[in-house]
Amino acid sequence: MHPADFDPMIDLPDPSAGLAMGDIVRIGEHRATATQDAIACEQAVALEYNGIAHVALLASPLHIPELALGFSYTEGIIQSPADVLDLDVEATADGLVVRLRIVNARLHALKLRRRSLAGSTSCGLCGVQSLAQIRRDLPPLTPPDQPWTIRAIAAALDQLRQRQPLHNLTGATHAAAWAEPDGRLAWTYEDVGRHNALDKLIGRLLREPVDRGRGFVVISSRASFEMVQKAQAAGIRALVAVSAPTTLAVRLAQEAPMMLAGFARDGRCTLYSRPDYLDGSRT
């Protein structure tokens, strides 16, 4: 099914799978009320490749295969979905374990990467333990066939607000969505981690016959360096954030090159790179 023919409400997950009810006390000006409220679930998700434990993420327990596929791709562990021969998710007492079986060439590359990381001091990015390894060597992006419009961005953001059932119930999740050139949203993914939400979306895009150079991605969070780099790795040419970008995110978007928009709300946005990719943005 083509995204343009997609019914956006059909693809929404059952939010109950990503939340739990907990006892709380609401404090008002004159009284305290004991009740229950929805709390977003957060679980450890361990990724193993051909029996080798590689990384553990903290994520919402929804769309785990998409998360594993998207993470593996944006982190350069695989180069295409065909590199994954098998994927199995197992629930354990400590969380979820995703066991991926990948082709020998990619396993060899992963072993070389792990060997180069040994003995370094961690700097906090997933599996990255030196500053030189933060920036990946990615091919430059080509310009879009036609510019996007502020009307399309506004339409996408209006839909994004309606397609976050888990956030509406818990207030604790981020979302990433794929928008067609006219702003219609095809797929939306939520997670307690903004990077996870984007990886889930990219995992879905890898499985769909969609031209990633035509549409754009909207995210409900700020735009960090990692978010821009994951988008570039997936061939996404425009990233639209509800909140602000960081300096490294702007620099990477300018070099990619990618259109990076922040503070996108109420029919407005701030362009930090490639304003020529948005129709009518020339001053």
Protein backbone atom coordinates (compact mmCIF):
# COMPACT_ATOMS: atom_id res chain seq x y z
CA MET A 1 0.00 0.00 0.00
CA HIS A 2 1.33 3.42 -0.93
CA PRO A 3 1.54 5.98 1.90
CA ALA A 4 -0.74 8.33 -0.02
CA ASP A 5 -3.50 5.70 0.19
CA PHE A 6 -2.88 4.94 3.84
CA ASP A 7 -5.58 5.42 6.46
CA PRO A 8 -3.59 7.07 9.29
CA MET A 9 -5.92 5.86 12.02
CA ILE A 10 -5.54 2.17 11.15
CA ASP A 11 -1.81 2.17 11.91
CA LEU A 12 -2.12 3.56 15.43
CA PRO A 13 -1.07 0.97 18.03
CA ASP A 14 -3.11 0.03 21.05
CA PRO A 15 -1.63 2.50 23.56
CA SER A 16 -2.43 0.17 26.46
CA ALA A 17 0.54 -1.97 25.43
CA GLY A 18 2.85 0.95 26.23
CA LEU A 19 1.45 2.05 29.57
CA ALA A 20 0.57 0.84 33.04
CA MET A 21 -1.86 2.17 35.61
CA GLY A 22 -0.28 3.35 38.83
CA ASP A 23 -1.52 4.69 42.15
CA ILE A 24 -0.96 8.43 42.51
CA VAL A 25 -1.99 11.32 44.72
CA ARG A 26 -3.06 14.58 43.07
CA ILE A 27 -2.40 17.63 45.21
CA GLY A 28 -4.65 20.62 44.81
CA GLU A 29 -4.81 23.93 46.60
CA HIS A 30 -7.17 22.65 49.26
CA ARG A 31 -7.10 18.84 49.13
CA ALA A 32 -5.27 15.68 48.09
CA THR A 33 -6.99 13.02 45.97
CA ALA A 34 -5.85 9.40 45.71
CA THR A 35 -6.51 7.95 42.27
CA GLN A 36 -4.84 6.10 39.39
CA ASP A 37 -3.10 7.46 36.33
CA ALA A 38 -1.48 6.16 33.15
CA ILE A 39 2.32 5.88 33.28
CA ALA A 40 4.41 5.23 30.16
CA CYS A 41 6.22 1.87 30.20
CA GLU A 42 9.98 1.89 29.84
CA GLN A 43 11.86 -1.37 29.31
CA ALA A 44 15.40 -2.47 28.67
CA VAL A 45 15.81 -3.74 25.10
CA ALA A 46 19.03 -5.66 24.43
CA LEU A 47 20.20 -6.18 20.85
CA GLU A 48 22.27 -9.25 19.99
CA TYR A 49 23.84 -9.93 16.59
CA ASN A 50 24.63 -13.57 15.81
CA GLY A 51 24.81 -14.26 19.53
CA ILE A 52 27.01 -11.25 20.33
CA ALA A 53 25.50 -8.80 22.82
CA HIS A 54 26.02 -5.30 21.43
CA VAL A 55 23.87 -2.66 23.11
CA ALA A 56 20.99 -2.18 25.56
CA LEU A 57 18.41 0.55 24.98
CA LEU A 58 15.65 1.92 27.18
CA ALA A 59 12.48 2.06 25.11
CA SER A 60 8.72 1.73 24.99
CA PRO A 61 7.75 -1.94 24.44
CA LEU A 62 6.02 -1.18 21.13
CA HIS A 63 7.20 -1.91 17.57
CA ILE A 64 10.40 -3.59 18.73
CA PRO A 65 11.25 -5.19 15.33
CA GLU A 66 11.07 -1.74 13.69
CA LEU A 67 13.28 -0.32 16.46
CA ALA A 68 15.88 -3.06 16.00
CA LEU A 69 15.91 -2.69 12.22
CA GLY A 70 16.04 1.11 12.27
CA PHE A 71 18.75 1.24 14.95
CA SER A 72 20.85 -1.35 13.11
CA TYR A 73 20.61 0.68 9.91
CA THR A 74 21.16 4.18 11.30
CA GLU A 75 24.12 2.97 13.38
CA GLY A 76 25.72 1.39 10.29
CA ILE A 77 25.54 -2.18 11.54
CA ILE A 78 23.57 -3.22 8.46
CA GLN A 79 23.45 -1.59 5.04
CA SER A 80 20.02 -2.82 3.96
CA PRO A 81 17.11 -4.85 5.38
CA ALA A 82 18.39 -7.81 3.33
CA ASP A 83 21.40 -7.98 5.69
CA VAL A 84 19.05 -9.25 8.42
CA LEU A 85 18.42 -12.95 7.93
CA ASP A 86 16.32 -13.46 11.03
CA LEU A 87 14.94 -11.39 13.91
CA ASP A 88 13.44 -12.76 17.11
CA VAL A 89 12.15 -10.92 20.17
CA GLU A 90 12.14 -12.68 23.55
CA ALA A 91 10.63 -11.36 26.76
CA THR A 92 12.78 -12.00 29.84
CA ALA A 93 12.54 -11.03 33.49
CA ASP A 94 14.92 -8.11 32.87
CA GLY A 95 13.35 -6.81 29.66
CA LEU A 96 13.32 -7.69 25.98
CA VAL A 97 16.10 -9.39 24.05
CA VAL A 98 16.19 -8.93 20.27
CA ARG A 99 18.28 -11.58 18.54
CA LEU A 100 19.24 -10.66 15.00
CA ARG A 101 21.05 -12.94 12.61
CA ILE A 102 22.94 -10.87 10.07
CA VAL A 103 25.02 -11.76 7.02
CA ASN A 104 28.67 -12.66 7.62
CA ALA A 105 30.04 -9.54 5.95
CA ARG A 106 28.15 -7.24 8.32
CA LEU A 107 29.03 -9.41 11.33
CA HIS A 108 32.71 -9.10 10.39
CA ALA A 109 32.35 -5.31 10.15
CA LEU A 110 30.61 -5.23 13.55
CA LYS A 111 33.42 -7.27 15.14
CA LEU A 112 36.01 -4.89 13.72
CA ARG A 113 34.09 -1.93 15.10
CA ARG A 114 33.79 -3.52 18.54
CA ARG A 115 37.51 -4.30 18.51
CA SER A 116 38.36 -0.67 17.71
CA LEU A 117 36.19 0.49 20.62
CA ALA A 118 37.86 -1.71 23.21
CA GLY A 119 39.77 0.20 25.86
CA SER A 120 38.39 3.64 24.97
CA THR A 121 36.54 6.01 27.28
CA SER A 122 32.83 6.25 26.60
CA CYS A 123 31.40 9.60 25.53
CA GLY A 124 27.76 8.60 25.81
CA LEU A 125 26.47 7.84 22.31
CA CYS A 126 25.17 4.36 21.55
CA GLY A 127 28.18 2.09 21.20
CA VAL A 128 30.50 5.05 20.52
CA GLN A 129 33.50 5.44 22.78
CA SER A 130 35.64 8.18 21.24
CA LEU A 131 34.88 11.64 19.91
CA ALA A 132 36.22 10.72 16.46
CA GLN A 133 33.55 8.03 16.14
CA ILE A 134 30.58 10.33 16.73
CA ARG A 135 30.47 11.62 13.15
CA ARG A 136 29.80 8.92 10.56
CA ASP A 137 31.11 9.15 7.00
CA LEU A 138 27.82 9.36 5.10
CA PRO A 139 27.23 10.20 1.43
CA PRO A 140 25.84 13.70 0.77
CA LEU A 141 22.12 14.05 0.17
CA THR A 142 20.81 15.18 -3.20
CA PRO A 143 18.28 18.05 -3.38
CA PRO A 144 14.56 17.21 -3.42
CA ASP A 145 12.75 17.13 -6.76
CA GLN A 146 10.54 20.01 -5.65
CA PRO A 147 10.41 22.30 -2.61
CA TRP A 148 8.08 21.65 0.30
CA THR A 149 5.54 24.20 1.52
CA ILE A 150 4.76 25.69 4.90
CA ARG A 151 1.19 24.54 4.35
CA ALA A 152 2.36 20.91 4.11
CA ILE A 153 4.44 21.28 7.27
CA ALA A 154 1.49 22.80 9.15
CA ALA A 155 -0.80 19.99 7.97
CA ALA A 156 1.68 17.35 9.12
CA LEU A 157 2.03 18.92 12.56
CA ASP A 158 -1.74 19.17 13.00
CA GLN A 159 -2.01 15.43 12.33
CA LEU A 160 0.95 14.66 14.60
CA ARG A 161 -0.92 16.04 17.60
CA GLN A 162 -3.81 13.66 16.87
CA ARG A 163 -1.62 10.61 16.34
CA GLN A 164 0.09 10.36 19.71
CA PRO A 165 -2.31 8.26 21.80
CA LEU A 166 0.40 7.17 24.22
CA HIS A 167 1.54 10.75 24.80
CA ASN A 168 -2.05 11.92 25.21
CA LEU A 169 -2.54 9.36 27.98
CA THR A 170 0.83 9.64 29.73
CA GLY A 171 2.51 12.88 28.62
CA ALA A 172 5.85 11.03 28.57
CA THR A 173 6.59 10.03 24.99
CA HIS A 174 8.00 11.51 21.79
CA ALA A 175 6.82 10.89 18.25
CA ALA A 176 8.35 10.71 14.78
CA ALA A 177 6.22 10.62 11.64
CA TRP A 178 6.66 10.35 7.89
CA ALA A 179 4.85 12.99 5.84
CA GLU A 180 4.08 12.86 2.15
CA PRO A 181 4.98 16.01 0.15
CA ASP A 182 1.48 17.42 0.73
CA GLY A 183 1.75 16.90 4.49
CA ARG A 184 -0.33 13.75 4.86
CA LEU A 185 1.13 11.48 7.53
CA ALA A 186 1.61 7.86 6.55
CA TRP A 187 3.24 6.40 9.68
CA THR A 188 3.77 7.65 13.22
CA TYR A 189 5.78 5.99 15.98
CA GLU A 190 5.97 6.87 19.66
CA ASP A 191 8.58 6.06 22.29
CA VAL A 192 9.87 7.33 25.61
CA GLY A 193 13.11 8.10 23.75
CA ARG A 194 13.12 10.50 20.81
CA HIS A 195 15.93 8.56 19.10
CA ASN A 196 13.95 5.34 19.46
CA ALA A 197 10.85 6.90 17.90
CA LEU A 198 12.91 7.99 14.88
CA ASP A 199 14.61 4.60 14.60
CA LYS A 200 11.20 2.88 14.65
CA LEU A 201 10.00 5.14 11.85
CA ILE A 202 13.15 4.50 9.81
CA GLY A 203 12.75 0.77 10.39
CA ARG A 204 9.29 1.04 8.86
CA LEU A 205 10.51 3.15 5.94
CA LEU A 206 13.14 0.54 5.11
CA ARG A 207 10.36 -1.98 4.57
CA GLU A 208 8.15 0.25 2.44
CA PRO A 209 8.44 1.16 -1.28
CA VAL A 210 8.63 4.86 -0.49
CA ASP A 211 10.89 7.51 -2.01
CA ARG A 212 12.59 8.98 1.07
CA GLY A 213 13.72 11.97 -0.98
CA ARG A 214 10.18 13.25 -1.59
CA GLY A 215 8.58 13.35 1.84
CA PHE A 216 9.83 14.68 5.16
CA VAL A 217 9.98 13.71 8.82
CA VAL A 218 8.32 15.58 11.69
CA ILE A 219 9.38 15.01 15.29
CA SER A 220 7.75 16.17 18.50
CA SER A 221 11.08 16.82 20.21
CA ARG A 222 14.18 18.94 19.79
CA ALA A 223 16.54 18.18 16.92
CA SER A 224 19.85 16.88 18.23
CA PHE A 225 22.98 15.88 16.32
CA GLU A 226 22.06 12.20 16.57
CA MET A 227 18.59 12.83 15.15
CA VAL A 228 19.99 14.65 12.12
CA GLN A 229 22.64 11.98 11.57
CA LYS A 230 20.07 9.17 11.72
CA ALA A 231 17.90 11.05 9.23
CA GLN A 232 20.85 11.57 6.89
CA ALA A 233 21.79 7.89 7.13
CA ALA A 234 18.25 7.03 6.01
CA GLY A 235 18.36 9.44 3.05
CA ILE A 236 15.82 11.84 4.57
CA ARG A 237 16.20 15.35 3.13
CA ALA A 238 14.06 17.35 5.57
CA LEU A 239 13.66 17.13 9.34
CA VAL A 240 11.02 19.29 11.01
CA ALA A 241 11.12 19.63 14.80
CA VAL A 242 8.53 21.08 17.13
CA SER A 243 11.31 22.30 19.41
CA ALA A 244 14.78 23.74 18.84
CA PRO A 245 17.91 22.26 17.25
CA THR A 246 21.41 22.22 18.73
CA THR A 247 24.51 23.79 17.18
CA LEU A 248 25.94 20.43 16.10
CA ALA A 249 22.58 19.47 14.57
CA VAL A 250 22.54 22.68 12.53
CA ARG A 251 26.12 22.21 11.39
CA LEU A 252 25.50 18.63 10.28
CA ALA A 253 22.26 19.57 8.49
CA GLN A 254 24.09 22.32 6.60
CA GLU A 255 26.81 19.89 5.55
CA ALA A 256 24.46 16.99 4.70
CA PRO A 257 22.76 19.03 3.10
CA MET A 258 19.32 18.71 4.69
CA MET A 259 16.50 21.14 5.39
CA LEU A 260 16.29 21.52 9.16
CA ALA A 261 13.33 23.36 10.66
CA GLY A 262 12.72 24.07 14.32
CA PHE A 263 9.99 25.70 16.40
CA ALA A 264 7.48 24.38 13.87
CA ARG A 265 4.06 25.23 15.25
CA ASP A 266 1.02 27.38 14.52
CA GLY A 267 1.77 27.60 10.81
CA ARG A 268 5.31 28.90 11.37
CA CYS A 269 8.81 27.46 11.55
CA THR A 270 12.42 28.59 11.77
CA LEU A 271 14.77 27.34 9.06
CA TYR A 272 18.35 26.60 10.10
CA SER A 273 19.61 25.03 6.88
CA ARG A 274 18.62 24.88 3.21
CA PRO A 275 15.83 27.49 3.24
CA ASP A 276 15.70 27.08 -0.54
CA TYR A 277 14.10 23.67 0.01
CA LEU A 278 10.95 25.41 1.31
CA ASP A 279 8.79 27.24 -1.20
CA GLY A 280 8.37 30.96 -0.46
CA SER A 281 11.14 31.07 2.16
CA ARG A 282 13.43 33.45 0.29
CA THR A 283 13.75 36.83 1.98
